[in-house]
Amino acid sequence: MPTKEEKKNTIIENSLKLFSTKGFYNTTIPDIAKSMKMSVGNMYNYFKSKEELAKYAIKYSTNVLATELRKINEQDISSRDKIFVFTKAYLENVKKSPEVIEYFLRVYLSNREVFNDGCEGFLCVSDFVTEVMILLDDGAAKKEFRQQEFFSAFAMIMGALGGFAFLCGEKVLEKDILEYSDSVAENIYRALKYEDS
């Protein structure tokens, strides 16, 4: 028998698929309940509203990435290698669980009004943002990355990765997404690397 937390995660995984394919506003609690073979009433035992579910879903999906990046940050490898390992892990996630990335791109970024109450700014994605900050600060401390404004560096990393997730979702890539991993990582690294003046 799954625990309440495991059941919540299963509901989130199902809702991510529906939100990313049908859109947030076109997906209803009865749609999610039906996909779970649950009653609507039972769904409300886990989440009191679709908006609450949406917030849990963004925390859940970015915590998957945060956990992976935390493990990479703890490895005794160069900052350059960390970028390569993280890029590959991110693109593997895009391939394995496209709904997680699609949810972030198509729901979280596109429907900010849903996330106003308690999810403003980086509140719901703070674990992941913290791990990116650690990666950048550590690289700068080791003089592998140059010192730069956090938001510029964060947007550059996530812009590159999110862009490839989008291209994959639109089915315009000529090759398997993982075949682009090293070239994407190299471009991210070049944008961050420390250069002697």
N, C-alpha and C. Protein backbone atom coordinates (compact mmCIF):
# COMPACT_ATOMS: atom_id res chain seq x y z
N MET A 1 0.84 -1.18 0.00
CA MET A 1 0.00 0.00 0.00
C MET A 1 0.89 1.25 0.00
N PRO A 2 0.73 2.11 -1.00
CA PRO A 2 1.58 3.31 -1.04
C PRO A 2 1.25 4.28 0.10
N THR A 3 2.29 4.98 0.56
CA THR A 3 2.07 6.01 1.59
C THR A 3 1.35 7.20 0.96
N LYS A 4 0.87 8.10 1.82
CA LYS A 4 0.18 9.29 1.31
C LYS A 4 1.13 10.12 0.43
N GLU A 5 2.40 10.20 0.85
CA GLU A 5 3.39 10.97 0.08
C GLU A 5 3.63 10.33 -1.29
N GLU A 6 3.75 9.01 -1.33
CA GLU A 6 3.94 8.30 -2.61
C GLU A 6 2.72 8.51 -3.52
N LYS A 7 1.54 8.46 -2.94
CA LYS A 7 0.31 8.67 -3.71
C LYS A 7 0.27 10.10 -4.27
N LYS A 8 0.66 11.06 -3.44
CA LYS A 8 0.72 12.45 -3.90
C LYS A 8 1.67 12.58 -5.09
N ASN A 9 2.83 11.94 -5.00
CA ASN A 9 3.81 11.99 -6.09
C ASN A 9 3.26 11.38 -7.36
N THR A 10 2.51 10.28 -7.23
CA THR A 10 1.89 9.65 -8.41
C THR A 10 0.85 10.58 -9.03
N ILE A 11 0.08 11.24 -8.19
CA ILE A 11 -0.91 12.22 -8.68
C ILE A 11 -0.18 13.35 -9.42
N ILE A 12 0.92 13.83 -8.82
CA ILE A 12 1.70 14.91 -9.45
C ILE A 12 2.22 14.45 -10.81
N GLU A 13 2.79 13.25 -10.87
CA GLU A 13 3.34 12.74 -12.14
C GLU A 13 2.25 12.66 -13.21
N ASN A 14 1.06 12.19 -12.84
CA ASN A 14 -0.05 12.13 -13.79
C ASN A 14 -0.51 13.52 -14.21
N SER A 15 -0.60 14.43 -13.24
CA SER A 15 -1.06 15.78 -13.56
C SER A 15 -0.05 16.51 -14.45
N LEU A 16 1.25 16.25 -14.23
CA LEU A 16 2.27 16.87 -15.09
C LEU A 16 2.04 16.50 -16.56
N LYS A 17 1.74 15.23 -16.78
CA LYS A 17 1.48 14.78 -18.16
C LYS A 17 0.27 15.50 -18.75
N LEU A 18 -0.79 15.59 -17.98
CA LEU A 18 -2.01 16.25 -18.47
C LEU A 18 -1.80 17.75 -18.65
N PHE A 19 -1.18 18.41 -17.66
CA PHE A 19 -0.94 19.85 -17.77
C PHE A 19 -0.07 20.17 -18.99
N SER A 20 0.95 19.32 -19.24
CA SER A 20 1.88 19.63 -20.32
C SER A 20 1.28 19.34 -21.70
N THR A 21 0.30 18.43 -21.76
CA THR A 21 -0.32 18.15 -23.07
C THR A 21 -1.59 18.96 -23.30
N LYS A 22 -2.44 19.07 -22.28
CA LYS A 22 -3.72 19.77 -22.45
C LYS A 22 -3.66 21.24 -22.06
N GLY A 23 -2.61 21.61 -21.29
CA GLY A 23 -2.53 22.97 -20.75
C GLY A 23 -3.14 23.02 -19.37
N PHE A 24 -2.73 23.99 -18.59
CA PHE A 24 -3.19 24.09 -17.21
C PHE A 24 -4.70 24.34 -17.14
N TYR A 25 -5.17 25.33 -17.90
CA TYR A 25 -6.58 25.72 -17.79
C TYR A 25 -7.53 24.71 -18.43
N ASN A 26 -7.02 23.89 -19.34
CA ASN A 26 -7.87 22.88 -19.99
C ASN A 26 -7.89 21.56 -19.24
N THR A 27 -7.10 21.45 -18.19
CA THR A 27 -7.06 20.23 -17.37
C THR A 27 -7.87 20.47 -16.11
N THR A 28 -8.76 19.55 -15.80
CA THR A 28 -9.58 19.69 -14.60
C THR A 28 -9.20 18.63 -13.57
N ILE A 29 -9.62 18.85 -12.35
CA ILE A 29 -9.42 17.85 -11.29
C ILE A 29 -10.09 16.52 -11.70
N PRO A 30 -11.34 16.55 -12.26
CA PRO A 30 -11.92 15.29 -12.72
C PRO A 30 -11.07 14.59 -13.80
N ASP A 31 -10.40 15.35 -14.68
CA ASP A 31 -9.49 14.73 -15.67
C ASP A 31 -8.37 13.98 -14.97
N ILE A 32 -7.79 14.63 -13.96
CA ILE A 32 -6.66 14.02 -13.24
C ILE A 32 -7.16 12.80 -12.47
N ALA A 33 -8.31 12.92 -11.80
CA ALA A 33 -8.89 11.80 -11.05
C ALA A 33 -9.14 10.61 -11.99
N LYS A 34 -9.69 10.90 -13.16
CA LYS A 34 -9.98 9.83 -14.13
C LYS A 34 -8.69 9.13 -14.56
N SER A 35 -7.63 9.90 -14.81
CA SER A 35 -6.35 9.30 -15.22
C SER A 35 -5.76 8.43 -14.12
N MET A 36 -6.14 8.71 -12.88
CA MET A 36 -5.65 7.96 -11.72
C MET A 36 -6.60 6.84 -11.31
N LYS A 37 -7.77 6.78 -11.98
CA LYS A 37 -8.83 5.82 -11.59
C LYS A 37 -9.22 6.04 -10.13
N MET A 38 -9.36 7.34 -9.79
CA MET A 38 -9.75 7.75 -8.43
C MET A 38 -11.04 8.55 -8.54
N SER A 39 -11.72 8.68 -7.43
CA SER A 39 -12.89 9.57 -7.41
C SER A 39 -12.40 11.00 -7.23
N VAL A 40 -13.20 11.93 -7.69
CA VAL A 40 -12.85 13.36 -7.54
C VAL A 40 -12.74 13.69 -6.06
N GLY A 41 -13.67 13.18 -5.25
CA GLY A 41 -13.63 13.42 -3.81
C GLY A 41 -12.33 12.96 -3.18
N ASN A 42 -11.85 11.80 -3.60
CA ASN A 42 -10.59 11.27 -3.08
C ASN A 42 -9.41 12.16 -3.48
N MET A 43 -9.47 12.72 -4.69
CA MET A 43 -8.41 13.64 -5.14
C MET A 43 -8.27 14.81 -4.16
N TYR A 44 -9.42 15.31 -3.69
CA TYR A 44 -9.40 16.46 -2.78
C TYR A 44 -8.83 16.10 -1.41
N ASN A 45 -8.69 14.82 -1.10
CA ASN A 45 -8.01 14.41 0.13
C ASN A 45 -6.51 14.69 0.04
N TYR A 46 -6.00 14.77 -1.19
CA TYR A 46 -4.57 14.98 -1.40
C TYR A 46 -4.24 16.44 -1.73
N PHE A 47 -5.07 17.08 -2.54
CA PHE A 47 -4.87 18.47 -2.93
C PHE A 47 -6.20 19.19 -2.89
N LYS A 48 -6.25 20.33 -2.19
CA LYS A 48 -7.54 21.01 -2.04
C LYS A 48 -7.96 21.82 -3.26
N SER A 49 -7.02 22.04 -4.21
CA SER A 49 -7.36 22.75 -5.44
C SER A 49 -6.35 22.43 -6.53
N LYS A 50 -6.71 22.76 -7.74
CA LYS A 50 -5.80 22.57 -8.87
C LYS A 50 -4.59 23.48 -8.71
N GLU A 51 -4.79 24.68 -8.16
CA GLU A 51 -3.69 25.62 -7.94
C GLU A 51 -2.68 25.07 -6.93
N GLU A 52 -3.20 24.46 -5.86
CA GLU A 52 -2.30 23.84 -4.88
C GLU A 52 -1.50 22.71 -5.54
N LEU A 53 -2.16 21.91 -6.33
CA LEU A 53 -1.50 20.82 -7.06
C LEU A 53 -0.42 21.38 -7.98
N ALA A 54 -0.72 22.49 -8.67
CA ALA A 54 0.24 23.12 -9.58
C ALA A 54 1.51 23.53 -8.84
N LYS A 55 1.36 24.07 -7.62
CA LYS A 55 2.51 24.49 -6.83
C LYS A 55 3.34 23.29 -6.36
N TYR A 56 2.66 22.26 -5.91
CA TYR A 56 3.38 21.04 -5.52
C TYR A 56 4.12 20.46 -6.72
N ALA A 57 3.50 20.53 -7.89
CA ALA A 57 4.09 19.95 -9.10
C ALA A 57 5.37 20.67 -9.48
N ILE A 58 5.41 22.00 -9.35
CA ILE A 58 6.64 22.72 -9.73
C ILE A 58 7.74 22.42 -8.71
N LYS A 59 7.37 22.32 -7.44
CA LYS A 59 8.38 21.96 -6.42
C LYS A 59 8.91 20.56 -6.69
N TYR A 60 8.00 19.64 -6.97
CA TYR A 60 8.38 18.24 -7.23
C TYR A 60 9.32 18.16 -8.43
N SER A 61 8.94 18.81 -9.54
CA SER A 61 9.73 18.68 -10.76
C SER A 61 11.10 19.35 -10.64
N THR A 62 11.18 20.50 -9.96
CA THR A 62 12.50 21.12 -9.84
C THR A 62 13.33 20.46 -8.74
N ASN A 63 12.68 19.80 -7.76
CA ASN A 63 13.45 19.08 -6.75
C ASN A 63 14.15 17.86 -7.34
N VAL A 64 13.58 17.27 -8.39
CA VAL A 64 14.25 16.17 -9.10
C VAL A 64 15.58 16.70 -9.64
N LEU A 65 15.54 17.87 -10.27
CA LEU A 65 16.76 18.47 -10.83
C LEU A 65 17.71 18.92 -9.72
N ALA A 66 17.15 19.47 -8.64
CA ALA A 66 17.99 19.93 -7.52
C ALA A 66 18.76 18.78 -6.90
N THR A 67 18.09 17.64 -6.74
CA THR A 67 18.74 16.46 -6.16
C THR A 67 19.89 15.99 -7.04
N GLU A 68 19.66 15.96 -8.36
CA GLU A 68 20.73 15.56 -9.27
C GLU A 68 21.89 16.53 -9.23
N LEU A 69 21.60 17.82 -9.25
CA LEU A 69 22.67 18.82 -9.24
C LEU A 69 23.42 18.80 -7.91
N ARG A 70 22.71 18.54 -6.80
CA ARG A 70 23.38 18.45 -5.49
C ARG A 70 24.41 17.32 -5.51
N LYS A 71 24.04 16.17 -6.09
CA LYS A 71 24.97 15.03 -6.18
C LYS A 71 26.19 15.40 -7.04
N ILE A 72 25.94 16.14 -8.11
CA ILE A 72 27.04 16.57 -9.00
C ILE A 72 27.93 17.57 -8.27
N ASN A 73 27.33 18.52 -7.54
CA ASN A 73 28.10 19.51 -6.79
C ASN A 73 28.99 18.86 -5.74
N GLU A 74 28.56 17.72 -5.21
CA GLU A 74 29.33 17.03 -4.16
C GLU A 74 30.48 16.20 -4.72
N GLN A 75 30.52 16.01 -6.04
CA GLN A 75 31.59 15.22 -6.66
C GLN A 75 32.90 16.01 -6.68
N ASP A 76 34.00 15.29 -6.58
CA ASP A 76 35.31 15.93 -6.61
C ASP A 76 35.81 15.96 -8.05
N ILE A 77 35.15 16.80 -8.85
CA ILE A 77 35.52 16.96 -10.26
C ILE A 77 35.57 18.45 -10.57
N SER A 78 36.15 18.79 -11.70
CA SER A 78 36.27 20.21 -12.05
C SER A 78 34.88 20.82 -12.31
N SER A 79 34.82 22.14 -12.24
CA SER A 79 33.56 22.84 -12.52
C SER A 79 33.14 22.61 -13.97
N ARG A 80 34.12 22.53 -14.87
CA ARG A 80 33.82 22.24 -16.28
C ARG A 80 33.12 20.88 -16.38
N ASP A 81 33.68 19.87 -15.71
CA ASP A 81 33.09 18.53 -15.75
C ASP A 81 31.68 18.54 -15.15
N LYS A 82 31.48 19.34 -14.09
CA LYS A 82 30.15 19.42 -13.48
C LYS A 82 29.13 19.94 -14.49
N ILE A 83 29.51 20.93 -15.30
CA ILE A 83 28.62 21.46 -16.33
C ILE A 83 28.28 20.36 -17.33
N PHE A 84 29.28 19.58 -17.74
CA PHE A 84 29.05 18.51 -18.71
C PHE A 84 28.15 17.42 -18.13
N VAL A 85 28.39 17.03 -16.88
CA VAL A 85 27.58 15.98 -16.24
C VAL A 85 26.14 16.49 -16.04
N PHE A 86 25.98 17.74 -15.58
CA PHE A 86 24.64 18.28 -15.35
C PHE A 86 23.87 18.44 -16.66
N THR A 87 24.54 18.92 -17.70
CA THR A 87 23.87 19.08 -19.00
C THR A 87 23.35 17.74 -19.48
N LYS A 88 24.18 16.71 -19.37
CA LYS A 88 23.75 15.38 -19.81
C LYS A 88 22.57 14.89 -18.97
N ALA A 89 22.64 15.07 -17.65
CA ALA A 89 21.55 14.64 -16.76
C ALA A 89 20.26 15.39 -17.10
N TYR A 90 20.36 16.68 -17.35
CA TYR A 90 19.18 17.50 -17.68
C TYR A 90 18.55 17.00 -18.98
N LEU A 91 19.39 16.81 -20.00
CA LEU A 91 18.86 16.37 -21.30
C LEU A 91 18.30 14.94 -21.22
N GLU A 92 18.90 14.10 -20.36
CA GLU A 92 18.34 12.76 -20.14
C GLU A 92 16.95 12.86 -19.52
N ASN A 93 16.79 13.82 -18.60
CA ASN A 93 15.47 14.05 -17.99
C ASN A 93 14.46 14.52 -19.03
N VAL A 94 14.90 15.38 -19.95
CA VAL A 94 14.03 15.85 -21.03
C VAL A 94 13.55 14.66 -21.85
N LYS A 95 14.46 13.75 -22.12
CA LYS A 95 14.13 12.58 -22.94
C LYS A 95 13.25 11.58 -22.18
N LYS A 96 13.61 11.33 -20.91
CA LYS A 96 12.92 10.33 -20.10
C LYS A 96 11.57 10.82 -19.58
N SER A 97 11.51 12.08 -19.13
CA SER A 97 10.29 12.64 -18.54
C SER A 97 10.00 14.00 -19.16
N PRO A 98 9.67 14.03 -20.44
CA PRO A 98 9.47 15.34 -21.09
C PRO A 98 8.39 16.18 -20.43
N GLU A 99 7.42 15.51 -19.79
CA GLU A 99 6.32 16.27 -19.17
C GLU A 99 6.82 17.17 -18.04
N VAL A 100 7.91 16.78 -17.36
CA VAL A 100 8.44 17.60 -16.27
C VAL A 100 8.96 18.93 -16.83
N ILE A 101 9.74 18.85 -17.89
CA ILE A 101 10.31 20.06 -18.50
C ILE A 101 9.21 20.86 -19.21
N GLU A 102 8.32 20.14 -19.89
CA GLU A 102 7.20 20.81 -20.57
C GLU A 102 6.35 21.58 -19.56
N TYR A 103 6.14 20.99 -18.41
CA TYR A 103 5.35 21.65 -17.36
C TYR A 103 6.02 22.97 -16.96
N PHE A 104 7.32 22.90 -16.75
CA PHE A 104 8.06 24.10 -16.36
C PHE A 104 7.94 25.17 -17.44
N LEU A 105 8.16 24.79 -18.70
CA LEU A 105 8.15 25.76 -19.80
C LEU A 105 6.74 26.25 -20.14
N ARG A 106 5.79 25.33 -20.19
CA ARG A 106 4.46 25.68 -20.70
C ARG A 106 3.46 26.09 -19.63
N VAL A 107 3.67 25.67 -18.40
CA VAL A 107 2.72 26.03 -17.35
C VAL A 107 3.34 27.04 -16.37
N TYR A 108 4.46 26.67 -15.75
CA TYR A 108 5.06 27.53 -14.73
C TYR A 108 5.46 28.89 -15.30
N LEU A 109 6.15 28.89 -16.44
CA LEU A 109 6.59 30.17 -17.01
C LEU A 109 5.48 30.92 -17.72
N SER A 110 4.48 30.21 -18.20
CA SER A 110 3.41 30.84 -19.00
C SER A 110 2.20 31.26 -18.18
N ASN A 111 2.01 30.68 -17.02
CA ASN A 111 0.83 30.97 -16.21
C ASN A 111 1.24 31.46 -14.83
N ARG A 112 2.04 32.50 -14.80
CA ARG A 112 2.60 32.98 -13.53
C ARG A 112 1.51 33.35 -12.52
N GLU A 113 0.33 33.76 -13.01
CA GLU A 113 -0.74 34.16 -12.09
C GLU A 113 -1.17 33.01 -11.18
N VAL A 114 -1.00 31.77 -11.63
CA VAL A 114 -1.36 30.60 -10.83
C VAL A 114 -0.43 30.47 -9.62
N PHE A 115 0.78 30.97 -9.76
CA PHE A 115 1.82 30.76 -8.76
C PHE A 115 2.07 31.99 -7.88
N ASN A 116 1.13 32.95 -7.91
CA ASN A 116 1.31 34.19 -7.15
C ASN A 116 1.36 33.96 -5.65
N ASP A 117 0.44 33.22 -5.11
CA ASP A 117 0.31 33.09 -3.66
C ASP A 117 1.23 32.00 -3.11
N GLY A 118 2.41 32.41 -2.65
CA GLY A 118 3.34 31.45 -2.03
C GLY A 118 4.35 30.86 -2.97
N CYS A 119 4.33 31.24 -4.23
CA CYS A 119 5.27 30.68 -5.21
C CYS A 119 5.94 31.79 -6.01
N GLU A 120 5.91 33.01 -5.47
CA GLU A 120 6.48 34.14 -6.20
C GLU A 120 7.99 33.96 -6.39
N GLY A 121 8.47 34.58 -7.46
CA GLY A 121 9.91 34.57 -7.71
C GLY A 121 10.45 33.15 -7.72
N PHE A 122 11.47 32.93 -6.90
CA PHE A 122 12.11 31.62 -6.85
C PHE A 122 11.62 30.75 -5.69
N LEU A 123 10.55 31.16 -4.99
CA LEU A 123 10.12 30.43 -3.78
C LEU A 123 9.90 28.94 -4.02
N CYS A 124 9.24 28.59 -5.11
CA CYS A 124 8.92 27.17 -5.34
C CYS A 124 10.05 26.40 -6.03
N VAL A 125 11.08 27.11 -6.46
CA VAL A 125 12.19 26.44 -7.14
C VAL A 125 13.51 26.71 -6.43
N SER A 126 13.42 27.13 -5.16
CA SER A 126 14.60 27.60 -4.44
C SER A 126 15.69 26.55 -4.26
N ASP A 127 15.33 25.28 -4.07
CA ASP A 127 16.36 24.24 -3.89
C ASP A 127 17.23 24.14 -5.14
N PHE A 128 16.58 24.17 -6.30
CA PHE A 128 17.33 24.08 -7.55
C PHE A 128 18.18 25.33 -7.77
N VAL A 129 17.62 26.49 -7.54
CA VAL A 129 18.35 27.76 -7.72
C VAL A 129 19.57 27.78 -6.79
N THR A 130 19.41 27.29 -5.57
CA THR A 130 20.52 27.23 -4.61
C THR A 130 21.65 26.35 -5.14
N GLU A 131 21.31 25.21 -5.72
CA GLU A 131 22.34 24.32 -6.26
C GLU A 131 23.08 24.94 -7.44
N VAL A 132 22.35 25.69 -8.29
CA VAL A 132 23.01 26.39 -9.40
C VAL A 132 23.96 27.45 -8.83
N MET A 133 23.51 28.16 -7.78
CA MET A 133 24.33 29.18 -7.14
C MET A 133 25.61 28.55 -6.58
N ILE A 134 25.49 27.39 -5.94
CA ILE A 134 26.65 26.68 -5.38
C ILE A 134 27.62 26.31 -6.51
N LEU A 135 27.09 25.78 -7.60
CA LEU A 135 27.92 25.42 -8.75
C LEU A 135 28.71 26.63 -9.26
N LEU A 136 28.02 27.76 -9.42
CA LEU A 136 28.67 28.98 -9.94
C LEU A 136 29.67 29.56 -8.95
N ASP A 137 29.28 29.63 -7.66
CA ASP A 137 30.18 30.18 -6.64
C ASP A 137 31.43 29.33 -6.48
N ASP A 138 31.25 28.02 -6.48
CA ASP A 138 32.37 27.10 -6.33
C ASP A 138 33.33 27.24 -7.52
N GLY A 139 32.77 27.31 -8.73
CA GLY A 139 33.59 27.49 -9.93
C GLY A 139 34.36 28.80 -9.91
N ALA A 140 33.71 29.86 -9.43
CA ALA A 140 34.38 31.17 -9.34
C ALA A 140 35.47 31.15 -8.27
N ALA A 141 35.20 30.49 -7.14
CA ALA A 141 36.18 30.40 -6.05
C ALA A 141 37.43 29.65 -6.51
N LYS A 142 37.25 28.67 -7.38
CA LYS A 142 38.39 27.89 -7.90
C LYS A 142 39.02 28.55 -9.12
N LYS A 143 38.52 29.72 -9.49
CA LYS A 143 38.98 30.45 -10.67
C LYS A 143 38.81 29.64 -11.96
N GLU A 144 37.79 28.77 -11.96
CA GLU A 144 37.43 28.04 -13.18
C GLU A 144 36.35 28.81 -13.94
N PHE A 145 35.50 29.53 -13.19
CA PHE A 145 34.49 30.41 -13.77
C PHE A 145 34.85 31.84 -13.38
N ARG A 146 34.47 32.78 -14.21
CA ARG A 146 34.69 34.18 -13.83
C ARG A 146 33.59 34.62 -12.87
N GLN A 147 33.90 35.65 -12.09
CA GLN A 147 32.88 36.25 -11.21
C GLN A 147 31.89 36.97 -12.12
N GLN A 148 30.62 36.71 -11.96
CA GLN A 148 29.63 37.43 -12.74
C GLN A 148 28.31 37.49 -11.98
N GLU A 149 27.46 38.36 -12.43
CA GLU A 149 26.16 38.54 -11.81
C GLU A 149 25.37 37.24 -11.90
N PHE A 150 24.79 36.80 -10.78
CA PHE A 150 24.13 35.50 -10.72
C PHE A 150 23.02 35.34 -11.75
N PHE A 151 22.12 36.31 -11.85
CA PHE A 151 20.96 36.15 -12.72
C PHE A 151 21.36 36.01 -14.18
N SER A 152 22.41 36.72 -14.58
CA SER A 152 22.89 36.59 -15.97
C SER A 152 23.39 35.18 -16.22
N ALA A 153 24.18 34.66 -15.29
CA ALA A 153 24.74 33.31 -15.45
C ALA A 153 23.63 32.26 -15.38
N PHE A 154 22.71 32.42 -14.42
CA PHE A 154 21.59 31.47 -14.27
C PHE A 154 20.74 31.44 -15.53
N ALA A 155 20.40 32.62 -16.05
CA ALA A 155 19.56 32.69 -17.25
C ALA A 155 20.27 32.09 -18.46
N MET A 156 21.58 32.28 -18.54
CA MET A 156 22.34 31.72 -19.66
C MET A 156 22.33 30.19 -19.61
N ILE A 157 22.55 29.62 -18.43
CA ILE A 157 22.54 28.15 -18.28
C ILE A 157 21.15 27.61 -18.60
N MET A 158 20.14 28.17 -17.92
CA MET A 158 18.79 27.63 -18.07
C MET A 158 18.18 27.98 -19.43
N GLY A 159 18.63 29.08 -20.02
CA GLY A 159 18.17 29.43 -21.37
C GLY A 159 18.64 28.40 -22.39
N ALA A 160 19.90 28.01 -22.26
CA ALA A 160 20.45 27.00 -23.17
C ALA A 160 19.75 25.66 -22.98
N LEU A 161 19.61 25.24 -21.73
CA LEU A 161 18.99 23.93 -21.46
C LEU A 161 17.49 23.95 -21.78
N GLY A 162 16.81 25.00 -21.37
CA GLY A 162 15.38 25.13 -21.66
C GLY A 162 15.12 25.23 -23.15
N GLY A 163 16.01 25.92 -23.86
CA GLY A 163 15.87 26.04 -25.31
C GLY A 163 15.93 24.69 -25.98
N PHE A 164 16.85 23.85 -25.55
CA PHE A 164 16.95 22.51 -26.14
C PHE A 164 15.75 21.64 -25.76
N ALA A 165 15.26 21.81 -24.54
CA ALA A 165 14.05 21.08 -24.13
C ALA A 165 12.89 21.48 -25.04
N PHE A 166 12.78 22.78 -25.30
CA PHE A 166 11.71 23.29 -26.17
C PHE A 166 11.85 22.72 -27.58
N LEU A 167 13.06 22.77 -28.13
CA LEU A 167 13.29 22.25 -29.48
C LEU A 167 12.97 20.76 -29.57
N CYS A 168 13.31 20.03 -28.51
CA CYS A 168 13.00 18.59 -28.47
C CYS A 168 11.48 18.40 -28.43
N GLY A 169 10.80 19.17 -27.60
CA GLY A 169 9.35 19.07 -27.48
C GLY A 169 8.63 19.41 -28.77
N GLU A 170 9.23 20.32 -29.55
CA GLU A 170 8.64 20.71 -30.84
C GLU A 170 9.03 19.75 -31.96
N LYS A 171 9.89 18.76 -31.62
CA LYS A 171 10.34 17.73 -32.57
C LYS A 171 11.03 18.31 -33.80
N VAL A 172 11.87 19.33 -33.58
CA VAL A 172 12.62 19.92 -34.68
C VAL A 172 14.10 19.54 -34.70
N LEU A 173 14.58 18.86 -33.66
CA LEU A 173 15.99 18.45 -33.64
C LEU A 173 16.23 17.35 -34.67
N GLU A 174 17.35 17.45 -35.34
CA GLU A 174 17.68 16.46 -36.38
C GLU A 174 18.22 15.17 -35.79
N LYS A 175 18.80 15.25 -34.58
CA LYS A 175 19.38 14.07 -33.93
C LYS A 175 18.73 13.88 -32.57
N ASP A 176 19.02 12.77 -31.95
CA ASP A 176 18.57 12.52 -30.58
C ASP A 176 19.12 13.63 -29.68
N ILE A 177 18.33 14.09 -28.76
CA ILE A 177 18.73 15.22 -27.91
C ILE A 177 20.05 14.98 -27.18
N LEU A 178 20.33 13.73 -26.79
CA LEU A 178 21.56 13.45 -26.04
C LEU A 178 22.81 13.63 -26.90
N GLU A 179 22.65 13.58 -28.22
CA GLU A 179 23.80 13.78 -29.11
C GLU A 179 24.27 15.24 -29.08
N TYR A 180 23.44 16.13 -28.57
CA TYR A 180 23.81 17.55 -28.48
C TYR A 180 24.45 17.90 -27.13
N SER A 181 24.45 16.96 -26.21
CA SER A 181 24.84 17.23 -24.83
C SER A 181 26.21 17.90 -24.72
N ASP A 182 27.25 17.33 -25.34
CA ASP A 182 28.60 17.89 -25.20
C ASP A 182 28.71 19.28 -25.81
N SER A 183 28.07 19.51 -26.96
CA SER A 183 28.20 20.83 -27.59
C SER A 183 27.44 21.89 -26.77
N VAL A 184 26.28 21.52 -26.19
CA VAL A 184 25.55 22.46 -25.33
C VAL A 184 26.39 22.76 -24.09
N ALA A 185 26.94 21.72 -23.47
CA ALA A 185 27.76 21.90 -22.26
C ALA A 185 28.98 22.76 -22.57
N GLU A 186 29.61 22.55 -23.71
CA GLU A 186 30.79 23.33 -24.09
C GLU A 186 30.43 24.81 -24.24
N ASN A 187 29.27 25.09 -24.84
CA ASN A 187 28.84 26.48 -25.00
C ASN A 187 28.55 27.13 -23.65
N ILE A 188 27.91 26.37 -22.74
CA ILE A 188 27.64 26.90 -21.40
C ILE A 188 28.97 27.18 -20.69
N TYR A 189 29.89 26.21 -20.77
CA TYR A 189 31.19 26.37 -20.11
C TYR A 189 31.94 27.59 -20.65
N ARG A 190 31.95 27.76 -21.95
CA ARG A 190 32.66 28.91 -22.55
C ARG A 190 32.07 30.24 -22.08
N ALA A 191 30.78 30.26 -21.86
CA ALA A 191 30.13 31.50 -21.39
C ALA A 191 30.48 31.79 -19.92
N LEU A 192 30.87 30.77 -19.17
CA LEU A 192 31.15 30.93 -17.74
C LEU A 192 32.63 30.99 -17.41
N LYS A 193 33.48 30.45 -18.26
CA LYS A 193 34.86 30.18 -17.86
C LYS A 193 35.67 31.44 -17.57
N TYR A 194 36.60 31.25 -16.69
CA TYR A 194 37.50 32.30 -16.26
C TYR A 194 38.61 32.43 -17.29
N GLU A 195 38.89 33.64 -17.69
CA GLU A 195 39.98 33.86 -18.63
C GLU A 195 40.94 34.86 -18.04
N ASP A 196 42.22 34.54 -18.13
CA ASP A 196 43.24 35.49 -17.67
C ASP A 196 43.23 36.70 -18.59
N SER A 197 43.28 37.89 -17.98
CA SER A 197 43.26 39.09 -18.84
C SER A 197 44.66 39.53 -19.19
